[in-house]
Amino acid sequence: MDGPTIARYSLAGIRLVNGVAALLAPQVVARRLGADPSRPALIYVLRMFGVRTVVLGAELLCLKDPDELDRALRVGTLIHTSDALSAACAGQQGSLARRPAMAATAISTVNVALTFLAQRRMCCRPSTH
Protein backbone atom coordinates (compact mmCIF):
# COMPACT_ATOMS: atom_id res chain seq x y z
CA MET A 1 0.00 0.00 0.00
CA ASP A 2 1.40 3.40 -0.97
CA GLY A 3 1.54 6.56 1.15
CA PRO A 4 -1.52 8.29 -0.35
CA THR A 5 -3.62 5.16 0.21
CA ILE A 6 -2.45 4.90 3.82
CA ALA A 7 -3.33 8.58 4.31
CA ARG A 8 -6.77 8.02 2.78
CA TYR A 9 -7.55 5.03 5.00
CA SER A 10 -6.15 6.77 8.08
CA LEU A 11 -8.38 9.77 7.43
CA ALA A 12 -11.37 7.48 6.89
CA GLY A 13 -10.63 5.76 10.21
CA ILE A 14 -10.32 9.04 12.11
CA ARG A 15 -13.56 10.28 10.57
CA LEU A 16 -15.42 7.07 11.38
CA VAL A 17 -14.21 6.90 14.99
CA ASN A 18 -14.99 10.55 15.71
CA GLY A 19 -18.28 10.44 13.81
CA VAL A 20 -19.56 7.28 15.47
CA ALA A 21 -18.57 8.65 18.89
CA ALA A 22 -20.45 11.91 18.27
CA LEU A 23 -23.45 10.09 16.85
CA LEU A 24 -23.79 7.32 19.44
CA ALA A 25 -22.20 8.87 22.54
CA PRO A 26 -22.65 12.64 22.20
CA GLN A 27 -22.68 13.12 25.99
CA VAL A 28 -19.21 11.58 26.22
CA VAL A 29 -17.94 13.81 23.41
CA ALA A 30 -19.51 16.86 25.07
CA ARG A 31 -17.72 16.08 28.35
CA ARG A 32 -14.41 15.63 26.50
CA LEU A 33 -14.96 19.08 25.01
CA GLY A 34 -15.51 20.49 28.49
CA ALA A 35 -19.16 21.22 27.70
CA ASP A 36 -22.34 20.50 29.63
CA PRO A 37 -23.67 17.17 28.28
CA SER A 38 -27.17 17.89 29.58
CA ARG A 39 -27.76 20.61 26.95
CA PRO A 40 -30.13 19.14 24.32
CA ALA A 41 -29.03 21.61 21.62
CA LEU A 42 -25.40 20.55 22.03
CA ILE A 43 -26.33 16.87 21.79
CA TYR A 44 -28.28 17.62 18.61
CA VAL A 45 -25.34 19.47 17.04
CA LEU A 46 -22.91 16.72 18.00
CA ARG A 47 -25.16 14.13 16.38
CA MET A 48 -25.32 16.23 13.19
CA PHE A 49 -21.51 16.42 13.26
CA GLY A 50 -21.45 12.66 13.75
CA VAL A 51 -23.63 11.91 10.75
CA ARG A 52 -21.60 14.26 8.55
CA THR A 53 -18.33 12.76 9.68
CA VAL A 54 -19.45 9.13 9.27
CA VAL A 55 -20.64 9.86 5.73
CA LEU A 56 -17.32 11.53 4.89
CA GLY A 57 -15.37 8.58 6.29
CA ALA A 58 -17.47 5.98 4.50
CA GLU A 59 -17.11 7.92 1.26
CA LEU A 60 -13.32 7.52 1.39
CA LEU A 61 -13.70 3.77 1.80
CA CYS A 62 -16.40 3.25 -0.82
CA LEU A 63 -15.46 5.54 -3.71
CA LYS A 64 -13.68 3.77 -6.55
CA ASP A 65 -13.79 6.39 -9.30
CA PRO A 66 -10.56 8.44 -9.14
CA ASP A 67 -12.32 11.69 -10.08
CA GLU A 68 -14.97 11.25 -7.38
CA LEU A 69 -12.28 10.37 -4.84
CA ASP A 70 -10.32 13.46 -5.84
CA ARG A 71 -13.43 15.60 -5.37
CA ALA A 72 -14.10 14.06 -1.96
CA LEU A 73 -10.54 14.76 -0.82
CA ARG A 74 -10.65 18.38 -2.04
CA VAL A 75 -13.95 18.94 -0.23
CA GLY A 76 -12.46 17.27 2.84
CA THR A 77 -9.58 19.72 2.80
CA LEU A 78 -12.06 22.61 3.02
CA ILE A 79 -14.14 20.91 5.72
CA HIS A 80 -11.19 20.06 7.96
CA THR A 81 -9.59 23.47 7.47
CA SER A 82 -12.88 25.04 8.56
CA ASP A 83 -13.04 22.67 11.55
CA ALA A 84 -9.47 23.53 12.59
CA LEU A 85 -10.06 27.27 12.31
CA SER A 86 -13.36 27.00 14.21
CA ALA A 87 -11.75 25.06 17.04
CA ALA A 88 -8.83 27.49 17.26
CA CYS A 89 -11.19 30.48 17.32
CA ALA A 90 -13.40 28.85 19.95
CA GLY A 91 -10.34 28.28 22.13
CA GLN A 92 -9.08 31.81 21.58
CA GLN A 93 -12.47 33.32 22.46
CA GLY A 94 -12.91 31.09 25.47
CA SER A 95 -16.09 29.43 24.22
CA LEU A 96 -14.19 26.13 24.29
CA ALA A 97 -11.78 25.26 27.07
CA ARG A 98 -8.11 25.52 26.14
CA ARG A 99 -7.17 21.82 26.21
CA PRO A 100 -10.18 20.55 24.19
CA ALA A 101 -9.74 23.44 21.74
CA MET A 102 -6.10 22.51 21.22
CA ALA A 103 -7.01 18.83 20.77
CA ALA A 104 -9.79 19.61 18.28
CA THR A 105 -7.51 21.99 16.37
CA ALA A 106 -4.75 19.38 16.27
CA ILE A 107 -7.05 16.59 15.10
CA SER A 108 -8.52 18.74 12.34
CA THR A 109 -5.06 19.92 11.29
CA VAL A 110 -3.88 16.30 11.03
CA ASN A 111 -6.98 15.62 8.94
CA VAL A 112 -6.06 18.52 6.61
CA ALA A 113 -2.56 17.07 6.22
CA LEU A 114 -4.00 13.62 5.48
CA THR A 115 -6.24 15.05 2.75
CA PHE A 116 -3.19 16.60 1.11
CA LEU A 117 -1.17 13.39 1.43
CA ALA A 118 -4.03 11.32 0.03
CA GLN A 119 -4.35 13.73 -2.91
CA ARG A 120 -0.71 13.21 -3.90
CA ARG A 121 -1.67 10.20 -5.96
CA MET A 122 -4.46 12.19 -7.60
CA CYS A 123 -2.09 15.04 -8.53
CA CYS A 124 0.68 12.78 -9.74
CA ARG A 125 -1.27 10.20 -11.72
CA PRO A 126 -0.55 10.17 -15.44
CA SER A 127 -3.08 11.88 -17.66
CA THR A 128 -5.28 9.58 -19.71
CA HIS A 129 -6.04 12.21 -22.36
C-alpha atoms as a PDB file:
ATOM      1  CA  MET A   1       0.000   0.000   0.000  1.00  0.00           C
ATOM      2  CA  ASP A   2       1.397   3.398  -0.971  1.00  0.00           C
ATOM      3  CA  GLY A   3       1.537   6.561   1.152  1.00  0.00           C
ATOM      4  CA  PRO A   4      -1.524   8.286  -0.346  1.00  0.00           C
ATOM      5  CA  THR A   5      -3.616   5.159   0.212  1.00  0.00           C
ATOM      6  CA  ILE A   6      -2.449   4.905   3.816  1.00  0.00           C
ATOM      7  CA  ALA A   7      -3.325   8.585   4.312  1.00  0.00           C
ATOM      8  CA  ARG A   8      -6.768   8.023   2.783  1.00  0.00           C
ATOM      9  CA  TYR A   9      -7.545   5.030   5.003  1.00  0.00           C
ATOM     10  CA  SER A  10      -6.146   6.772   8.082  1.00  0.00           C
ATOM     11  CA  LEU A  11      -8.379   9.768   7.426  1.00  0.00           C
ATOM     12  CA  ALA A  12     -11.366   7.479   6.886  1.00  0.00           C
ATOM     13  CA  GLY A  13     -10.629   5.763  10.215  1.00  0.00           C
ATOM     14  CA  ILE A  14     -10.319   9.041  12.114  1.00  0.00           C
ATOM     15  CA  ARG A  15     -13.561  10.282  10.572  1.00  0.00           C
ATOM     16  CA  LEU A  16     -15.422   7.072  11.381  1.00  0.00           C
ATOM     17  CA  VAL A  17     -14.208   6.898  14.993  1.00  0.00           C
ATOM     18  CA  ASN A  18     -14.993  10.554  15.709  1.00  0.00           C
ATOM     19  CA  GLY A  19     -18.278  10.439  13.811  1.00  0.00           C
ATOM     20  CA  VAL A  20     -19.564   7.282  15.465  1.00  0.00           C
ATOM     21  CA  ALA A  21     -18.572   8.646  18.888  1.00  0.00           C
ATOM     22  CA  ALA A  22     -20.449  11.912  18.275  1.00  0.00           C
ATOM     23  CA  LEU A  23     -23.446  10.086  16.852  1.00  0.00           C
ATOM     24  CA  LEU A  24     -23.789   7.319  19.435  1.00  0.00           C
ATOM     25  CA  ALA A  25     -22.203   8.868  22.536  1.00  0.00           C
ATOM     26  CA  PRO A  26     -22.653  12.641  22.204  1.00  0.00           C
ATOM     27  CA  GLN A  27     -22.681  13.115  25.989  1.00  0.00           C
ATOM     28  CA  VAL A  28     -19.208  11.581  26.219  1.00  0.00           C
ATOM     29  CA  VAL A  29     -17.945  13.815  23.406  1.00  0.00           C
ATOM     30  CA  ALA A  30     -19.509  16.864  25.075  1.00  0.00           C
ATOM     31  CA  ARG A  31     -17.718  16.080  28.348  1.00  0.00           C
ATOM     32  CA  ARG A  32     -14.413  15.631  26.504  1.00  0.00           C
ATOM     33  CA  LEU A  33     -14.956  19.085  25.012  1.00  0.00           C
ATOM     34  CA  GLY A  34     -15.506  20.487  28.486  1.00  0.00           C
ATOM     35  CA  ALA A  35     -19.157  21.216  27.700  1.00  0.00           C
ATOM     36  CA  ASP A  36     -22.341  20.500  29.629  1.00  0.00           C
ATOM     37  CA  PRO A  37     -23.670  17.166  28.277  1.00  0.00           C
ATOM     38  CA  SER A  38     -27.169  17.892  29.577  1.00  0.00           C
ATOM     39  CA  ARG A  39     -27.762  20.610  26.951  1.00  0.00           C
ATOM     40  CA  PRO A  40     -30.129  19.143  24.318  1.00  0.00           C
ATOM     41  CA  ALA A  41     -29.026  21.611  21.622  1.00  0.00           C
ATOM     42  CA  LEU A  42     -25.400  20.554  22.030  1.00  0.00           C
ATOM     43  CA  ILE A  43     -26.327  16.869  21.787  1.00  0.00           C
ATOM     44  CA  TYR A  44     -28.285  17.624  18.608  1.00  0.00           C
ATOM     45  CA  VAL A  45     -25.345  19.474  17.044  1.00  0.00           C
ATOM     46  CA  LEU A  46     -22.907  16.716  18.002  1.00  0.00           C
ATOM     47  CA  ARG A  47     -25.155  14.129  16.376  1.00  0.00           C
ATOM     48  CA  MET A  48     -25.321  16.231  13.194  1.00  0.00           C
ATOM     49  CA  PHE A  49     -21.512  16.423  13.257  1.00  0.00           C
ATOM     50  CA  GLY A  50     -21.445  12.660  13.752  1.00  0.00           C
ATOM     51  CA  VAL A  51     -23.627  11.913  10.750  1.00  0.00           C
ATOM     52  CA  ARG A  52     -21.598  14.264   8.546  1.00  0.00           C
ATOM     53  CA  THR A  53     -18.329  12.758   9.677  1.00  0.00           C
ATOM     54  CA  VAL A  54     -19.447   9.130   9.274  1.00  0.00           C
ATOM     55  CA  VAL A  55     -20.644   9.859   5.731  1.00  0.00           C
ATOM     56  CA  LEU A  56     -17.325  11.530   4.885  1.00  0.00           C
ATOM     57  CA  GLY A  57     -15.374   8.584   6.286  1.00  0.00           C
ATOM     58  CA  ALA A  58     -17.474   5.976   4.501  1.00  0.00           C
ATOM     59  CA  GLU A  59     -17.112   7.916   1.262  1.00  0.00           C
ATOM     60  CA  LEU A  60     -13.319   7.520   1.392  1.00  0.00           C
ATOM     61  CA  LEU A  61     -13.701   3.773   1.801  1.00  0.00           C
ATOM     62  CA  CYS A  62     -16.396   3.254  -0.823  1.00  0.00           C
ATOM     63  CA  LEU A  63     -15.458   5.536  -3.708  1.00  0.00           C
ATOM     64  CA  LYS A  64     -13.682   3.768  -6.550  1.00  0.00           C
ATOM     65  CA  ASP A  65     -13.791   6.390  -9.305  1.00  0.00           C
ATOM     66  CA  PRO A  66     -10.556   8.439  -9.137  1.00  0.00           C
ATOM     67  CA  ASP A  67     -12.316  11.690 -10.080  1.00  0.00           C
ATOM     68  CA  GLU A  68     -14.966  11.248  -7.382  1.00  0.00           C
ATOM     69  CA  LEU A  69     -12.283  10.373  -4.841  1.00  0.00           C
ATOM     70  CA  ASP A  70     -10.316  13.456  -5.841  1.00  0.00           C
ATOM     71  CA  ARG A  71     -13.429  15.602  -5.371  1.00  0.00           C
ATOM     72  CA  ALA A  72     -14.101  14.059  -1.957  1.00  0.00           C
ATOM     73  CA  LEU A  73     -10.542  14.764  -0.823  1.00  0.00           C
ATOM     74  CA  ARG A  74     -10.653  18.382  -2.045  1.00  0.00           C
ATOM     75  CA  VAL A  75     -13.950  18.944  -0.233  1.00  0.00           C
ATOM     76  CA  GLY A  76     -12.461  17.267   2.836  1.00  0.00           C
ATOM     77  CA  THR A  77      -9.576  19.723   2.805  1.00  0.00           C
ATOM     78  CA  LEU A  78     -12.062  22.605   3.023  1.00  0.00           C
ATOM     79  CA  ILE A  79     -14.140  20.911   5.721  1.00  0.00           C
ATOM     80  CA  HIS A  80     -11.188  20.057   7.958  1.00  0.00           C
ATOM     81  CA  THR A  81      -9.589  23.470   7.474  1.00  0.00           C
ATOM     82  CA  SER A  82     -12.879  25.043   8.563  1.00  0.00           C
ATOM     83  CA  ASP A  83     -13.040  22.673  11.549  1.00  0.00           C
ATOM     84  CA  ALA A  84      -9.470  23.534  12.594  1.00  0.00           C
ATOM     85  CA  LEU A  85     -10.065  27.274  12.312  1.00  0.00           C
ATOM     86  CA  SER A  86     -13.358  27.000  14.205  1.00  0.00           C
ATOM     87  CA  ALA A  87     -11.746  25.057  17.042  1.00  0.00           C
ATOM     88  CA  ALA A  88      -8.825  27.487  17.255  1.00  0.00           C
ATOM     89  CA  CYS A  89     -11.189  30.482  17.319  1.00  0.00           C
ATOM     90  CA  ALA A  90     -13.400  28.852  19.953  1.00  0.00           C
ATOM     91  CA  GLY A  91     -10.344  28.277  22.129  1.00  0.00           C
ATOM     92  CA  GLN A  92      -9.082  31.809  21.576  1.00  0.00           C
ATOM     93  CA  GLN A  93     -12.470  33.323  22.455  1.00  0.00           C
ATOM     94  CA  GLY A  94     -12.908  31.089  25.473  1.00  0.00           C
ATOM     95  CA  SER A  95     -16.085  29.428  24.218  1.00  0.00           C
ATOM     96  CA  LEU A  96     -14.193  26.134  24.292  1.00  0.00           C
ATOM     97  CA  ALA A  97     -11.776  25.256  27.073  1.00  0.00           C
ATOM     98  CA  ARG A  98      -8.108  25.520  26.139  1.00  0.00           C
ATOM     99  CA  ARG A  99      -7.171  21.823  26.211  1.00  0.00           C
ATOM    100  CA  PRO A 100     -10.178  20.547  24.191  1.00  0.00           C
ATOM    101  CA  ALA A 101      -9.740  23.442  21.737  1.00  0.00           C
ATOM    102  CA  MET A 102      -6.104  22.511  21.224  1.00  0.00           C
ATOM    103  CA  ALA A 103      -7.012  18.832  20.772  1.00  0.00           C
ATOM    104  CA  ALA A 104      -9.789  19.611  18.276  1.00  0.00           C
ATOM    105  CA  THR A 105      -7.511  21.987  16.374  1.00  0.00           C
ATOM    106  CA  ALA A 106      -4.745  19.378  16.268  1.00  0.00           C
ATOM    107  CA  ILE A 107      -7.054  16.587  15.097  1.00  0.00           C
ATOM    108  CA  SER A 108      -8.517  18.744  12.341  1.00  0.00           C
ATOM    109  CA  THR A 109      -5.058  19.920  11.291  1.00  0.00           C
ATOM    110  CA  VAL A 110      -3.885  16.304  11.032  1.00  0.00           C
ATOM    111  CA  ASN A 111      -6.983  15.621   8.939  1.00  0.00           C
ATOM    112  CA  VAL A 112      -6.059  18.515   6.609  1.00  0.00           C
ATOM    113  CA  ALA A 113      -2.560  17.070   6.221  1.00  0.00           C
ATOM    114  CA  LEU A 114      -4.004  13.622   5.484  1.00  0.00           C
ATOM    115  CA  THR A 115      -6.244  15.045   2.754  1.00  0.00           C
ATOM    116  CA  PHE A 116      -3.192  16.596   1.107  1.00  0.00           C
ATOM    117  CA  LEU A 117      -1.173  13.392   1.434  1.00  0.00           C
ATOM    118  CA  ALA A 118      -4.031  11.323   0.034  1.00  0.00           C
ATOM    119  CA  GLN A 119      -4.354  13.733  -2.906  1.00  0.00           C
ATOM    120  CA  ARG A 120      -0.711  13.210  -3.902  1.00  0.00           C
ATOM    121  CA  ARG A 121      -1.666  10.203  -5.961  1.00  0.00           C
ATOM    122  CA  MET A 122      -4.457  12.190  -7.603  1.00  0.00           C
ATOM    123  CA  CYS A 123      -2.092  15.036  -8.528  1.00  0.00           C
ATOM    124  CA  CYS A 124       0.682  12.783  -9.740  1.00  0.00           C
ATOM    125  CA  ARG A 125      -1.266  10.204 -11.725  1.00  0.00           C
ATOM    126  CA  PRO A 126      -0.548  10.171 -15.443  1.00  0.00           C
ATOM    127  CA  SER A 127      -3.078  11.881 -17.664  1.00  0.00           C
ATOM    128  CA  THR A 128      -5.278   9.578 -19.713  1.00  0.00           C
ATOM    129  CA  HIS A 129      -6.039  12.212 -22.358  1.00  0.00           C
END
